[in-house]
């Protein structure tokens, strides 16, 4: 099992593996579409989704860095909060999670740049 970026690369190389959802958790329907594209060998769809997910992940990392978040949990909480608006952004001390304002800026960026990844 590998996360989305490695899953796409493995599928493009003709390898079989499981998908460990991370970034694509922001839209479960797209997670399933990514998995299915890998299983059916739809390389065009895989490459398009890889492009989207790479940029979304980069933006999530940049958001976490702005708030001194320096661990995967910071980014995972951003993804989870997109799915569940009540999901907390805080992390256990000594780590810092993203702040609400930074999360809101991330959401606005996502709505502008990748509206197809925002759940209705």
PDB file of N, CA and C in Angstrom:
ATOM      1  N   UNK A   1       0.841  -1.176   0.000  1.00  0.00           N
ATOM      2  CA  UNK A   1       0.000   0.000   0.000  1.00  0.00           C
ATOM      3  C   UNK A   1       0.884   1.235   0.000  1.00  0.00           C
ATOM      4  N   UNK A   2       0.570   2.166  -0.895  1.00  0.00           N
ATOM      5  CA  UNK A   2       1.322   3.411  -0.991  1.00  0.00           C
ATOM      6  C   UNK A   2       0.344   4.567  -1.174  1.00  0.00           C
ATOM      7  N   UNK A   3       0.800   5.777  -0.849  1.00  0.00           N
ATOM      8  CA  UNK A   3      -0.062   6.941  -1.025  1.00  0.00           C
ATOM      9  C   UNK A   3      -0.174   7.302  -2.501  1.00  0.00           C
ATOM     10  N   UNK A   4      -1.013   8.266  -2.775  1.00  0.00           N
ATOM     11  CA  UNK A   4      -1.423   8.570  -4.144  1.00  0.00           C
ATOM     12  C   UNK A   4      -0.274   8.796  -5.128  1.00  0.00           C
ATOM     13  N   UNK A   5       0.708   9.584  -4.743  1.00  0.00           N
ATOM     14  CA  UNK A   5       1.761   9.925  -5.690  1.00  0.00           C
ATOM     15  C   UNK A   5       2.556   8.685  -6.097  1.00  0.00           C
ATOM     16  N   UNK A   6       2.855   7.823  -5.141  1.00  0.00           N
ATOM     17  CA  UNK A   6       3.564   6.583  -5.464  1.00  0.00           C
ATOM     18  C   UNK A   6       2.645   5.583  -6.159  1.00  0.00           C
ATOM     19  N   UNK A   7       1.365   5.611  -5.792  1.00  0.00           N
ATOM     20  CA  UNK A   7       0.400   4.719  -6.430  1.00  0.00           C
ATOM     21  C   UNK A   7       0.346   4.988  -7.938  1.00  0.00           C
ATOM     22  N   UNK A   8       0.271   6.240  -8.305  1.00  0.00           N
ATOM     23  CA  UNK A   8       0.215   6.589  -9.727  1.00  0.00           C
ATOM     24  C   UNK A   8       1.483   6.113 -10.433  1.00  0.00           C
ATOM     25  N   UNK A   9       2.624   6.392  -9.831  1.00  0.00           N
ATOM     26  CA  UNK A   9       3.887   5.986 -10.464  1.00  0.00           C
ATOM     27  C   UNK A   9       3.954   4.470 -10.623  1.00  0.00           C
ATOM     28  N   UNK A  10       3.541   3.741  -9.586  1.00  0.00           N
ATOM     29  CA  UNK A  10       3.559   2.277  -9.673  1.00  0.00           C
ATOM     30  C   UNK A  10       2.623   1.775 -10.766  1.00  0.00           C
ATOM     31  N   UNK A  11       1.435   2.343 -10.837  1.00  0.00           N
ATOM     32  CA  UNK A  11       0.471   1.918 -11.857  1.00  0.00           C
ATOM     33  C   UNK A  11       0.987   2.222 -13.263  1.00  0.00           C
ATOM     34  N   UNK A  12       1.617   3.378 -13.426  1.00  0.00           N
ATOM     35  CA  UNK A  12       2.158   3.733 -14.735  1.00  0.00           C
ATOM     36  C   UNK A  12       3.287   2.790 -15.148  1.00  0.00           C
ATOM     37  N   UNK A  13       3.939   2.182 -14.166  1.00  0.00           N
ATOM     38  CA  UNK A  13       4.999   1.211 -14.447  1.00  0.00           C
ATOM     39  C   UNK A  13       4.461  -0.214 -14.562  1.00  0.00           C
ATOM     40  N   UNK A  14       3.138  -0.350 -14.456  1.00  0.00           N
ATOM     41  CA  UNK A  14       2.521  -1.654 -14.595  1.00  0.00           C
ATOM     42  C   UNK A  14       2.554  -2.501 -13.340  1.00  0.00           C
ATOM     43  N   UNK A  15       2.840  -1.901 -12.208  1.00  0.00           N
ATOM     44  CA  UNK A  15       2.895  -2.622 -10.938  1.00  0.00           C
ATOM     45  C   UNK A  15       1.520  -2.630 -10.285  1.00  0.00           C
ATOM     46  N   UNK A  16       1.265  -3.621  -9.470  1.00  0.00           N
ATOM     47  CA  UNK A  16       0.023  -3.681  -8.717  1.00  0.00           C
ATOM     48  C   UNK A  16       0.319  -3.349  -7.258  1.00  0.00           C
ATOM     49  N   UNK A  17      -0.512  -2.491  -6.694  1.00  0.00           N
ATOM     50  CA  UNK A  17      -0.359  -2.138  -5.288  1.00  0.00           C
ATOM     51  C   UNK A  17      -1.683  -1.583  -4.782  1.00  0.00           C
ATOM     52  N   UNK A  18      -1.762  -1.438  -3.498  1.00  0.00           N
ATOM     53  CA  UNK A  18      -2.956  -0.859  -2.894  1.00  0.00           C
ATOM     54  C   UNK A  18      -2.777   0.638  -2.709  1.00  0.00           C
ATOM     55  N   UNK A  19      -3.896   1.331  -2.589  1.00  0.00           N
ATOM     56  CA  UNK A  19      -3.883   2.780  -2.419  1.00  0.00           C
ATOM     57  C   UNK A  19      -4.120   3.141  -0.962  1.00  0.00           C
ATOM     58  N   UNK A  20      -3.179   3.844  -0.366  1.00  0.00           N
ATOM     59  CA  UNK A  20      -3.304   4.382   0.979  1.00  0.00           C
ATOM     60  C   UNK A  20      -3.683   5.856   0.816  1.00  0.00           C
ATOM     61  N   UNK A  21      -4.915   6.189   1.124  1.00  0.00           N
ATOM     62  CA  UNK A  21      -5.447   7.527   0.861  1.00  0.00           C
ATOM     63  C   UNK A  21      -4.811   8.555   1.795  1.00  0.00           C
ATOM     64  N   UNK A  22      -4.383   9.658   1.226  1.00  0.00           N
ATOM     65  CA  UNK A  22      -3.813  10.773   1.980  1.00  0.00           C
ATOM     66  C   UNK A  22      -4.435  12.062   1.435  1.00  0.00           C
ATOM     67  N   UNK A  23      -3.782  12.674   0.465  1.00  0.00           N
ATOM     68  CA  UNK A  23      -4.253  13.934  -0.112  1.00  0.00           C
ATOM     69  C   UNK A  23      -5.661  13.793  -0.677  1.00  0.00           C
ATOM     70  N   UNK A  24      -5.928  12.722  -1.368  1.00  0.00           N
ATOM     71  CA  UNK A  24      -7.227  12.570  -2.022  1.00  0.00           C
ATOM     72  C   UNK A  24      -8.371  12.360  -1.046  1.00  0.00           C
ATOM     73  N   UNK A  25      -8.058  12.273   0.242  1.00  0.00           N
ATOM     74  CA  UNK A  25      -9.112  12.167   1.258  1.00  0.00           C
ATOM     75  C   UNK A  25     -10.030  13.381   1.237  1.00  0.00           C
ATOM     76  N   UNK A  26      -9.577  14.461   0.625  1.00  0.00           N
ATOM     77  CA  UNK A  26     -10.414  15.663   0.573  1.00  0.00           C
ATOM     78  C   UNK A  26     -11.656  15.452  -0.287  1.00  0.00           C
ATOM     79  N   UNK A  27     -11.613  14.425  -1.143  1.00  0.00           N
ATOM     80  CA  UNK A  27     -12.775  14.108  -1.979  1.00  0.00           C
ATOM     81  C   UNK A  27     -12.803  12.591  -2.193  1.00  0.00           C
ATOM     82  N   UNK A  28     -13.495  11.864  -1.317  1.00  0.00           N
ATOM     83  CA  UNK A  28     -13.485  10.402  -1.402  1.00  0.00           C
ATOM     84  C   UNK A  28     -13.895   9.839  -2.761  1.00  0.00           C
ATOM     85  N   UNK A  29     -14.791  10.489  -3.441  1.00  0.00           N
ATOM     86  CA  UNK A  29     -15.185  10.017  -4.772  1.00  0.00           C
ATOM     87  C   UNK A  29     -14.018  10.035  -5.735  1.00  0.00           C
ATOM     88  N   UNK A  30     -13.176  11.048  -5.626  1.00  0.00           N
ATOM     89  CA  UNK A  30     -11.992  11.120  -6.485  1.00  0.00           C
ATOM     90  C   UNK A  30     -10.938  10.099  -6.062  1.00  0.00           C
ATOM     91  N   UNK A  31     -10.883   9.790  -4.759  1.00  0.00           N
ATOM     92  CA  UNK A  31      -9.965   8.728  -4.305  1.00  0.00           C
ATOM     93  C   UNK A  31     -10.309   7.423  -5.007  1.00  0.00           C
ATOM     94  N   UNK A  32     -11.581   7.120  -5.052  1.00  0.00           N
ATOM     95  CA  UNK A  32     -12.035   5.897  -5.719  1.00  0.00           C
ATOM     96  C   UNK A  32     -11.735   5.955  -7.215  1.00  0.00           C
ATOM     97  N   UNK A  33     -11.964   7.111  -7.827  1.00  0.00           N
ATOM     98  CA  UNK A  33     -11.674   7.265  -9.259  1.00  0.00           C
ATOM     99  C   UNK A  33     -10.187   7.069  -9.539  1.00  0.00           C
ATOM    100  N   UNK A  34      -9.335   7.561  -8.649  1.00  0.00           N
ATOM    101  CA  UNK A  34      -7.894   7.377  -8.814  1.00  0.00           C
ATOM    102  C   UNK A  34      -7.547   5.897  -8.728  1.00  0.00           C
ATOM    103  N   UNK A  35      -8.100   5.229  -7.718  1.00  0.00           N
ATOM    104  CA  UNK A  35      -7.843   3.803  -7.572  1.00  0.00           C
ATOM    105  C   UNK A  35      -8.284   3.042  -8.825  1.00  0.00           C
ATOM    106  N   UNK A  36      -9.476   3.332  -9.292  1.00  0.00           N
ATOM    107  CA  UNK A  36     -10.005   2.640 -10.473  1.00  0.00           C
ATOM    108  C   UNK A  36      -9.179   2.932 -11.716  1.00  0.00           C
ATOM    109  N   UNK A  37      -8.706   4.173 -11.850  1.00  0.00           N
ATOM    110  CA  UNK A  37      -7.858   4.503 -12.997  1.00  0.00           C
ATOM    111  C   UNK A  37      -6.582   3.670 -12.976  1.00  0.00           C
ATOM    112  N   UNK A  38      -6.047   3.455 -11.787  1.00  0.00           N
ATOM    113  CA  UNK A  38      -4.859   2.620 -11.663  1.00  0.00           C
ATOM    114  C   UNK A  38      -5.134   1.169 -11.995  1.00  0.00           C
ATOM    115  N   UNK A  39      -6.278   0.687 -11.559  1.00  0.00           N
ATOM    116  CA  UNK A  39      -6.625  -0.714 -11.790  1.00  0.00           C
ATOM    117  C   UNK A  39      -6.925  -0.994 -13.264  1.00  0.00           C
ATOM    118  N   UNK A  40      -7.459  -0.002 -13.956  1.00  0.00           N
ATOM    119  CA  UNK A  40      -7.801  -0.190 -15.367  1.00  0.00           C
ATOM    120  C   UNK A  40      -6.707   0.281 -16.318  1.00  0.00           C
ATOM    121  N   UNK A  41      -5.648   0.875 -15.771  1.00  0.00           N
ATOM    122  CA  UNK A  41      -4.548   1.331 -16.615  1.00  0.00           C
ATOM    123  C   UNK A  41      -4.847   2.600 -17.389  1.00  0.00           C
ATOM    124  N   UNK A  42      -5.728   3.453 -16.869  1.00  0.00           N
ATOM    125  CA  UNK A  42      -6.073   4.710 -17.529  1.00  0.00           C
ATOM    126  C   UNK A  42      -4.978   5.744 -17.251  1.00  0.00           C
ATOM    127  N   UNK A  43      -3.923   5.676 -18.046  1.00  0.00           N
ATOM    128  CA  UNK A  43      -2.744   6.510 -17.798  1.00  0.00           C
ATOM    129  C   UNK A  43      -3.025   8.003 -17.935  1.00  0.00           C
ATOM    130  N   UNK A  44      -3.895   8.407 -18.844  1.00  0.00           N
ATOM    131  CA  UNK A  44      -4.212   9.829 -18.982  1.00  0.00           C
ATOM    132  C   UNK A  44      -4.870  10.357 -17.713  1.00  0.00           C
ATOM    133  N   UNK A  45      -5.817   9.596 -17.191  1.00  0.00           N
ATOM    134  CA  UNK A  45      -6.501   9.997 -15.956  1.00  0.00           C
ATOM    135  C   UNK A  45      -5.529   9.999 -14.775  1.00  0.00           C
ATOM    136  N   UNK A  46      -4.677   8.998 -14.695  1.00  0.00           N
ATOM    137  CA  UNK A  46      -3.687   8.934 -13.623  1.00  0.00           C
ATOM    138  C   UNK A  46      -2.772  10.155 -13.643  1.00  0.00           C
ATOM    139  N   UNK A  47      -2.292  10.502 -14.826  1.00  0.00           N
ATOM    140  CA  UNK A  47      -1.372  11.645 -14.934  1.00  0.00           C
ATOM    141  C   UNK A  47      -2.074  12.959 -14.573  1.00  0.00           C
ATOM    142  N   UNK A  48      -3.312  13.118 -14.998  1.00  0.00           N
ATOM    143  CA  UNK A  48      -4.065  14.339 -14.682  1.00  0.00           C
ATOM    144  C   UNK A  48      -4.295  14.449 -13.178  1.00  0.00           C
ATOM    145  N   UNK A  49      -4.675  13.355 -12.568  1.00  0.00           N
ATOM    146  CA  UNK A  49      -4.924  13.380 -11.130  1.00  0.00           C
ATOM    147  C   UNK A  49      -3.618  13.558 -10.353  1.00  0.00           C
ATOM    148  N   UNK A  50      -2.537  12.975 -10.837  1.00  0.00           N
ATOM    149  CA  UNK A  50      -1.231  13.162 -10.206  1.00  0.00           C
ATOM    150  C   UNK A  50      -0.839  14.637 -10.210  1.00  0.00           C
ATOM    151  N   UNK A  51      -1.071  15.297 -11.326  1.00  0.00           N
ATOM    152  CA  UNK A  51      -0.761  16.718 -11.421  1.00  0.00           C
ATOM    153  C   UNK A  51      -1.549  17.521 -10.380  1.00  0.00           C
ATOM    154  N   UNK A  52      -2.844  17.266 -10.307  1.00  0.00           N
ATOM    155  CA  UNK A  52      -3.689  17.959  -9.326  1.00  0.00           C
ATOM    156  C   UNK A  52      -3.211  17.686  -7.904  1.00  0.00           C
ATOM    157  N   UNK A  53      -3.048  16.430  -7.576  1.00  0.00           N
ATOM    158  CA  UNK A  53      -2.708  16.051  -6.204  1.00  0.00           C
ATOM    159  C   UNK A  53      -1.328  16.554  -5.796  1.00  0.00           C
ATOM    160  N   UNK A  54      -0.401  16.596  -6.723  1.00  0.00           N
ATOM    161  CA  UNK A  54       0.933  17.128  -6.420  1.00  0.00           C
ATOM    162  C   UNK A  54       0.859  18.599  -6.034  1.00  0.00           C
ATOM    163  N   UNK A  55       0.124  19.363  -6.803  1.00  0.00           N
ATOM    164  CA  UNK A  55      -0.014  20.792  -6.486  1.00  0.00           C
ATOM    165  C   UNK A  55      -0.780  21.010  -5.191  1.00  0.00           C
ATOM    166  N   UNK A  56      -1.837  20.231  -4.958  1.00  0.00           N
ATOM    167  CA  UNK A  56      -2.608  20.364  -3.721  1.00  0.00           C
ATOM    168  C   UNK A  56      -1.722  20.025  -2.531  1.00  0.00           C
ATOM    169  N   UNK A  57      -0.950  18.973  -2.647  1.00  0.00           N
ATOM    170  CA  UNK A  57      -0.040  18.586  -1.562  1.00  0.00           C
ATOM    171  C   UNK A  57       0.998  19.674  -1.310  1.00  0.00           C
ATOM    172  N   UNK A  58       1.567  20.243  -2.359  1.00  0.00           N
ATOM    173  CA  UNK A  58       2.539  21.334  -2.203  1.00  0.00           C
ATOM    174  C   UNK A  58       1.924  22.505  -1.451  1.00  0.00           C
ATOM    175  N   UNK A  59       0.682  22.845  -1.791  1.00  0.00           N
ATOM    176  CA  UNK A  59       0.019  23.959  -1.122  1.00  0.00           C
ATOM    177  C   UNK A  59      -0.266  23.628   0.341  1.00  0.00           C
ATOM    178  N   UNK A  60      -0.645  22.401   0.615  1.00  0.00           N
ATOM    179  CA  UNK A  60      -0.881  21.985   2.009  1.00  0.00           C
ATOM    180  C   UNK A  60       0.417  22.066   2.809  1.00  0.00           C
ATOM    181  N   UNK A  61       1.517  21.645   2.223  1.00  0.00           N
ATOM    182  CA  UNK A  61       2.807  21.733   2.904  1.00  0.00           C
ATOM    183  C   UNK A  61       3.173  23.188   3.150  1.00  0.00           C
ATOM    184  N   UNK A  62       2.978  24.034   2.160  1.00  0.00           N
ATOM    185  CA  UNK A  62       3.264  25.463   2.338  1.00  0.00           C
ATOM    186  C   UNK A  62       2.399  26.053   3.448  1.00  0.00           C
ATOM    187  N   UNK A  63       1.155  25.636   3.524  1.00  0.00           N
ATOM    188  CA  UNK A  63       0.263  26.109   4.581  1.00  0.00           C
ATOM    189  C   UNK A  63       0.787  25.667   5.938  1.00  0.00           C
ATOM    190  N   UNK A  64       1.194  24.431   6.045  1.00  0.00           N
ATOM    191  CA  UNK A  64       1.732  23.925   7.305  1.00  0.00           C
ATOM    192  C   UNK A  64       3.008  24.623   7.710  1.00  0.00           C
ATOM    193  N   UNK A  65       3.866  24.905   6.754  1.00  0.00           N
ATOM    194  CA  UNK A  65       5.128  25.586   7.048  1.00  0.00           C
ATOM    195  C   UNK A  65       4.869  26.997   7.561  1.00  0.00           C
ATOM    196  N   UNK A  66       3.874  27.679   6.998  1.00  0.00           N
ATOM    197  CA  UNK A  66       3.550  29.032   7.461  1.00  0.00           C
ATOM    198  C   UNK A  66       3.160  29.036   8.938  1.00  0.00           C
ATOM    199  N   UNK A  67       2.623  27.931   9.420  1.00  0.00           N
ATOM    200  CA  UNK A  67       2.191  27.873  10.813  1.00  0.00           C
ATOM    201  C   UNK A  67       3.182  27.074  11.670  1.00  0.00           C
ATOM    202  N   UNK A  68       4.388  26.900  11.166  1.00  0.00           N
ATOM    203  CA  UNK A  68       5.431  26.144  11.857  1.00  0.00           C
ATOM    204  C   UNK A  68       5.126  24.664  11.957  1.00  0.00           C
ATOM    205  N   UNK A  69       4.162  24.217  11.194  1.00  0.00           N
ATOM    206  CA  UNK A  69       3.870  22.782  11.168  1.00  0.00           C
ATOM    207  C   UNK A  69       4.937  22.090  10.350  1.00  0.00           C
ATOM    208  N   UNK A  70       5.550  21.089  10.918  1.00  0.00           N
ATOM    209  CA  UNK A  70       6.655  20.439  10.227  1.00  0.00           C
ATOM    210  C   UNK A  70       6.545  18.921  10.274  1.00  0.00           C
ATOM    211  N   UNK A  71       5.334  18.445  10.321  1.00  0.00           N
ATOM    212  CA  UNK A  71       5.154  16.996  10.335  1.00  0.00           C
ATOM    213  C   UNK A  71       3.916  16.629   9.526  1.00  0.00           C
ATOM    214  N   UNK A  72       3.855  15.385   9.100  1.00  0.00           N
ATOM    215  CA  UNK A  72       2.750  14.939   8.264  1.00  0.00           C
ATOM    216  C   UNK A  72       1.391  15.164   8.911  1.00  0.00           C
ATOM    217  N   UNK A  73       1.313  15.059  10.225  1.00  0.00           N
ATOM    218  CA  UNK A  73       0.047  15.258  10.917  1.00  0.00           C
ATOM    219  C   UNK A  73      -0.570  16.613  10.643  1.00  0.00           C
ATOM    220  N   UNK A  74       0.268  17.623  10.445  1.00  0.00           N
ATOM    221  CA  UNK A  74      -0.227  18.962  10.134  1.00  0.00           C
ATOM    222  C   UNK A  74      -1.003  18.948   8.826  1.00  0.00           C
ATOM    223  N   UNK A  75      -0.462  18.284   7.815  1.00  0.00           N
ATOM    224  CA  UNK A  75      -1.101  18.250   6.502  1.00  0.00           C
ATOM    225  C   UNK A  75      -2.323  17.335   6.513  1.00  0.00           C
ATOM    226  N   UNK A  76      -2.181  16.209   7.201  1.00  0.00           N
ATOM    227  CA  UNK A  76      -3.306  15.275   7.283  1.00  0.00           C
ATOM    228  C   UNK A  76      -4.516  15.924   7.943  1.00  0.00           C
ATOM    229  N   UNK A  77      -4.282  16.785   8.908  1.00  0.00           N
ATOM    230  CA  UNK A  77      -5.398  17.464   9.573  1.00  0.00           C
ATOM    231  C   UNK A  77      -6.079  18.462   8.625  1.00  0.00           C
ATOM    232  N   UNK A  78      -5.311  19.096   7.754  1.00  0.00           N
ATOM    233  CA  UNK A  78      -5.917  19.968   6.742  1.00  0.00           C
ATOM    234  C   UNK A  78      -6.851  19.159   5.846  1.00  0.00           C
ATOM    235  N   UNK A  79      -6.378  18.014   5.395  1.00  0.00           N
ATOM    236  CA  UNK A  79      -7.197  17.170   4.525  1.00  0.00           C
ATOM    237  C   UNK A  79      -8.455  16.707   5.252  1.00  0.00           C
ATOM    238  N   UNK A  80      -8.285  16.288   6.500  1.00  0.00           N
ATOM    239  CA  UNK A  80      -9.435  15.789   7.269  1.00  0.00           C
ATOM    240  C   UNK A  80     -10.453  16.898   7.518  1.00  0.00           C
ATOM    241  N   UNK A  81      -9.969  18.106   7.759  1.00  0.00           N
ATOM    242  CA  UNK A  81     -10.894  19.210   8.032  1.00  0.00           C
ATOM    243  C   UNK A  81     -11.686  19.608   6.795  1.00  0.00           C
ATOM    244  N   UNK A  82     -11.114  19.426   5.632  1.00  0.00           N
ATOM    245  CA  UNK A  82     -11.864  19.678   4.401  1.00  0.00           C
ATOM    246  C   UNK A  82     -13.058  18.741   4.301  1.00  0.00           C
ATOM    247  N   UNK A  83     -12.885  17.534   4.808  1.00  0.00           N
ATOM    248  CA  UNK A  83     -13.959  16.537   4.789  1.00  0.00           C
ATOM    249  C   UNK A  83     -14.920  16.729   5.958  1.00  0.00           C
ATOM    250  N   UNK A  84     -14.383  17.120   7.114  1.00  0.00           N
ATOM    251  CA  UNK A  84     -15.175  17.320   8.331  1.00  0.00           C
ATOM    252  C   UNK A  84     -14.830  18.681   8.921  1.00  0.00           C
ATOM    253  N   UNK A  85     -15.683  19.689   8.731  1.00  0.00           N
ATOM    254  CA  UNK A  85     -15.380  21.055   9.183  1.00  0.00           C
ATOM    255  C   UNK A  85     -15.120  21.182  10.683  1.00  0.00           C
ATOM    256  N   UNK A  86     -15.533  20.206  11.485  1.00  0.00           N
ATOM    257  CA  UNK A  86     -15.306  20.255  12.928  1.00  0.00           C
ATOM    258  C   UNK A  86     -14.019  19.560  13.357  1.00  0.00           C
ATOM    259  N   UNK A  87     -13.285  19.007  12.397  1.00  0.00           N
ATOM    260  CA  UNK A  87     -12.059  18.298  12.738  1.00  0.00           C
ATOM    261  C   UNK A  87     -11.024  19.293  13.262  1.00  0.00           C
ATOM    262  N   UNK A  88     -10.415  19.016  14.412  1.00  0.00           N
ATOM    263  CA  UNK A  88      -9.463  19.990  14.991  1.00  0.00           C
ATOM    264  C   UNK A  88      -8.146  20.044  14.215  1.00  0.00           C
ATOM    265  N   UNK A  89      -7.561  21.230  14.173  1.00  0.00           N
ATOM    266  CA  UNK A  89      -6.270  21.412  13.520  1.00  0.00           C
ATOM    267  C   UNK A  89      -5.106  21.272  14.498  1.00  0.00           C
ATOM    268  N   UNK A  90      -5.396  21.316  15.781  1.00  0.00           N
ATOM    269  CA  UNK A  90      -4.337  21.314  16.789  1.00  0.00           C
ATOM    270  C   UNK A  90      -3.597  19.972  16.821  1.00  0.00           C
ATOM    271  N   UNK A  91      -2.359  20.051  17.260  1.00  0.00           N
ATOM    272  CA  UNK A  91      -1.526  18.873  17.466  1.00  0.00           C
ATOM    273  C   UNK A  91      -1.083  18.850  18.931  1.00  0.00           C
ATOM    274  N   UNK A  92      -0.648  17.715  19.390  1.00  0.00           N
ATOM    275  CA  UNK A  92      -0.147  17.613  20.759  1.00  0.00           C
ATOM    276  C   UNK A  92       1.183  18.355  20.868  1.00  0.00           C
ATOM    277  N   UNK A  93       1.409  19.002  21.995  1.00  0.00           N
ATOM    278  CA  UNK A  93       2.659  19.693  22.278  1.00  0.00           C
ATOM    279  C   UNK A  93       3.808  18.680  22.170  1.00  0.00           C
ATOM    280  N   UNK A  94       4.904  19.041  21.613  1.00  0.00           N
ATOM    281  CA  UNK A  94       5.393  20.380  21.298  1.00  0.00           C
ATOM    282  C   UNK A  94       5.116  20.818  19.864  1.00  0.00           C
ATOM    283  N   UNK A  95       4.282  20.084  19.143  1.00  0.00           N
ATOM    284  CA  UNK A  95       4.019  20.384  17.739  1.00  0.00           C
ATOM    285  C   UNK A  95       2.930  21.432  17.601  1.00  0.00           C
ATOM    286  N   UNK A  96       2.967  22.142  16.482  1.00  0.00           N
ATOM    287  CA  UNK A  96       1.956  23.153  16.195  1.00  0.00           C
ATOM    288  C   UNK A  96       1.216  22.785  14.920  1.00  0.00           C
ATOM    289  N   UNK A  97      -0.094  22.877  14.981  1.00  0.00           N
ATOM    290  CA  UNK A  97      -0.901  22.651  13.799  1.00  0.00           C
ATOM    291  C   UNK A  97      -1.150  23.958  13.067  1.00  0.00           C
ATOM    292  N   UNK A  98      -1.871  23.881  11.998  1.00  0.00           N
ATOM    293  CA  UNK A  98      -2.235  25.089  11.248  1.00  0.00           C
ATOM    294  C   UNK A  98      -3.288  25.875  12.015  1.00  0.00           C
ATOM    295  N   UNK A  99      -3.342  27.142  11.743  1.00  0.00           N
ATOM    296  CA  UNK A  99      -4.351  27.999  12.361  1.00  0.00           C
ATOM    297  C   UNK A  99      -5.563  28.087  11.435  1.00  0.00           C
ATOM    298  N   UNK A 100      -6.686  28.479  11.997  1.00  0.00           N
ATOM    299  CA  UNK A 100      -7.929  28.567  11.224  1.00  0.00           C
ATOM    300  C   UNK A 100      -7.787  29.483  10.021  1.00  0.00           C
ATOM    301  N   UNK A 101      -7.128  30.619  10.206  1.00  0.00           N
ATOM    302  CA  UNK A 101      -6.967  31.566   9.096  1.00  0.00           C
ATOM    303  C   UNK A 101      -6.150  30.947   7.964  1.00  0.00           C
ATOM    304  N   UNK A 102      -5.139  30.179   8.310  1.00  0.00           N
ATOM    305  CA  UNK A 102      -4.321  29.528   7.287  1.00  0.00           C
ATOM    306  C   UNK A 102      -5.118  28.426   6.589  1.00  0.00           C
ATOM    307  N   UNK A 103      -5.911  27.699   7.360  1.00  0.00           N
ATOM    308  CA  UNK A 103      -6.776  26.695   6.759  1.00  0.00           C
ATOM    309  C   UNK A 103      -7.755  27.349   5.799  1.00  0.00           C
ATOM    310  N   UNK A 104      -8.367  28.464   6.216  1.00  0.00           N
ATOM    311  CA  UNK A 104      -9.321  29.166   5.358  1.00  0.00           C
ATOM    312  C   UNK A 104      -8.663  29.629   4.060  1.00  0.00           C
ATOM    313  N   UNK A 105      -7.429  30.096   4.147  1.00  0.00           N
ATOM    314  CA  UNK A 105      -6.699  30.518   2.941  1.00  0.00           C
ATOM    315  C   UNK A 105      -6.430  29.312   2.031  1.00  0.00           C
ATOM    316  N   UNK A 106      -6.115  28.173   2.630  1.00  0.00           N
ATOM    317  CA  UNK A 106      -5.902  26.947   1.858  1.00  0.00           C
ATOM    318  C   UNK A 106      -7.186  26.550   1.134  1.00  0.00           C
ATOM    319  N   UNK A 107      -8.309  26.618   1.827  1.00  0.00           N
ATOM    320  CA  UNK A 107      -9.602  26.276   1.225  1.00  0.00           C
ATOM    321  C   UNK A 107      -9.909  27.222   0.068  1.00  0.00           C
ATOM    322  N   UNK A 108      -9.683  28.502   0.260  1.00  0.00           N
ATOM    323  CA  UNK A 108      -9.951  29.467  -0.804  1.00  0.00           C
ATOM    324  C   UNK A 108      -9.072  29.195  -2.019  1.00  0.00           C
ATOM    325  N   UNK A 109      -7.801  28.891  -1.776  1.00  0.00           N
ATOM    326  CA  UNK A 109      -6.893  28.539  -2.876  1.00  0.00           C
ATOM    327  C   UNK A 109      -7.427  27.313  -3.614  1.00  0.00           C
ATOM    328  N   UNK A 110      -7.830  26.302  -2.854  1.00  0.00           N
ATOM    329  CA  UNK A 110      -8.342  25.073  -3.454  1.00  0.00           C
ATOM    330  C   UNK A 110      -9.593  25.348  -4.288  1.00  0.00           C
ATOM    331  N   UNK A 111     -10.490  26.153  -3.781  1.00  0.00           N
ATOM    332  CA  UNK A 111     -11.719  26.482  -4.519  1.00  0.00           C
ATOM    333  C   UNK A 111     -11.411  27.228  -5.808  1.00  0.00           C
ATOM    334  N   UNK A 112     -10.370  28.036  -5.787  1.00  0.00           N
ATOM    335  CA  UNK A 112      -9.991  28.812  -6.962  1.00  0.00           C
ATOM    336  C   UNK A 112      -9.233  27.963  -7.979  1.00  0.00           C
ATOM    337  N   UNK A 113      -8.243  27.221  -7.502  1.00  0.00           N
ATOM    338  CA  UNK A 113      -7.351  26.476  -8.396  1.00  0.00           C
ATOM    339  C   UNK A 113      -7.878  25.091  -8.798  1.00  0.00           C
ATOM    340  N   UNK A 114      -8.557  24.420  -7.876  1.00  0.00           N
ATOM    341  CA  UNK A 114      -9.005  23.050  -8.119  1.00  0.00           C
ATOM    342  C   UNK A 114     -10.420  22.836  -7.595  1.00  0.00           C
ATOM    343  N   UNK A 115     -11.376  23.566  -8.132  1.00  0.00           N
ATOM    344  CA  UNK A 115     -12.747  23.454  -7.621  1.00  0.00           C
ATOM    345  C   UNK A 115     -13.317  22.036  -7.739  1.00  0.00           C
ATOM    346  N   UNK A 116     -12.820  21.259  -8.682  1.00  0.00           N
ATOM    347  CA  UNK A 116     -13.310  19.894  -8.847  1.00  0.00           C
ATOM    348  C   UNK A 116     -12.925  18.998  -7.659  1.00  0.00           C
ATOM    349  N   UNK A 117     -11.978  19.442  -6.837  1.00  0.00           N
ATOM    350  CA  UNK A 117     -11.579  18.675  -5.671  1.00  0.00           C
ATOM    351  C   UNK A 117     -12.302  19.114  -4.396  1.00  0.00           C
ATOM    352  N   UNK A 118     -13.144  20.134  -4.522  1.00  0.00           N
ATOM    353  CA  UNK A 118     -13.900  20.597  -3.352  1.00  0.00           C
ATOM    354  C   UNK A 118     -15.253  19.893  -3.362  1.00  0.00           C
ATOM    355  N   UNK A 119     -15.534  19.221  -2.278  1.00  0.00           N
ATOM    356  CA  UNK A 119     -16.822  18.513  -2.175  1.00  0.00           C
ATOM    357  C   UNK A 119     -17.948  19.524  -2.054  1.00  0.00           C
ATOM    358  N   UNK A 120     -19.036  19.254  -2.756  1.00  0.00           N
ATOM    359  CA  UNK A 120     -20.184  20.160  -2.702  1.00  0.00           C
ATOM    360  C   UNK A 120     -20.956  19.993  -1.411  1.00  0.00           C
TER     361      UNK A 120
END
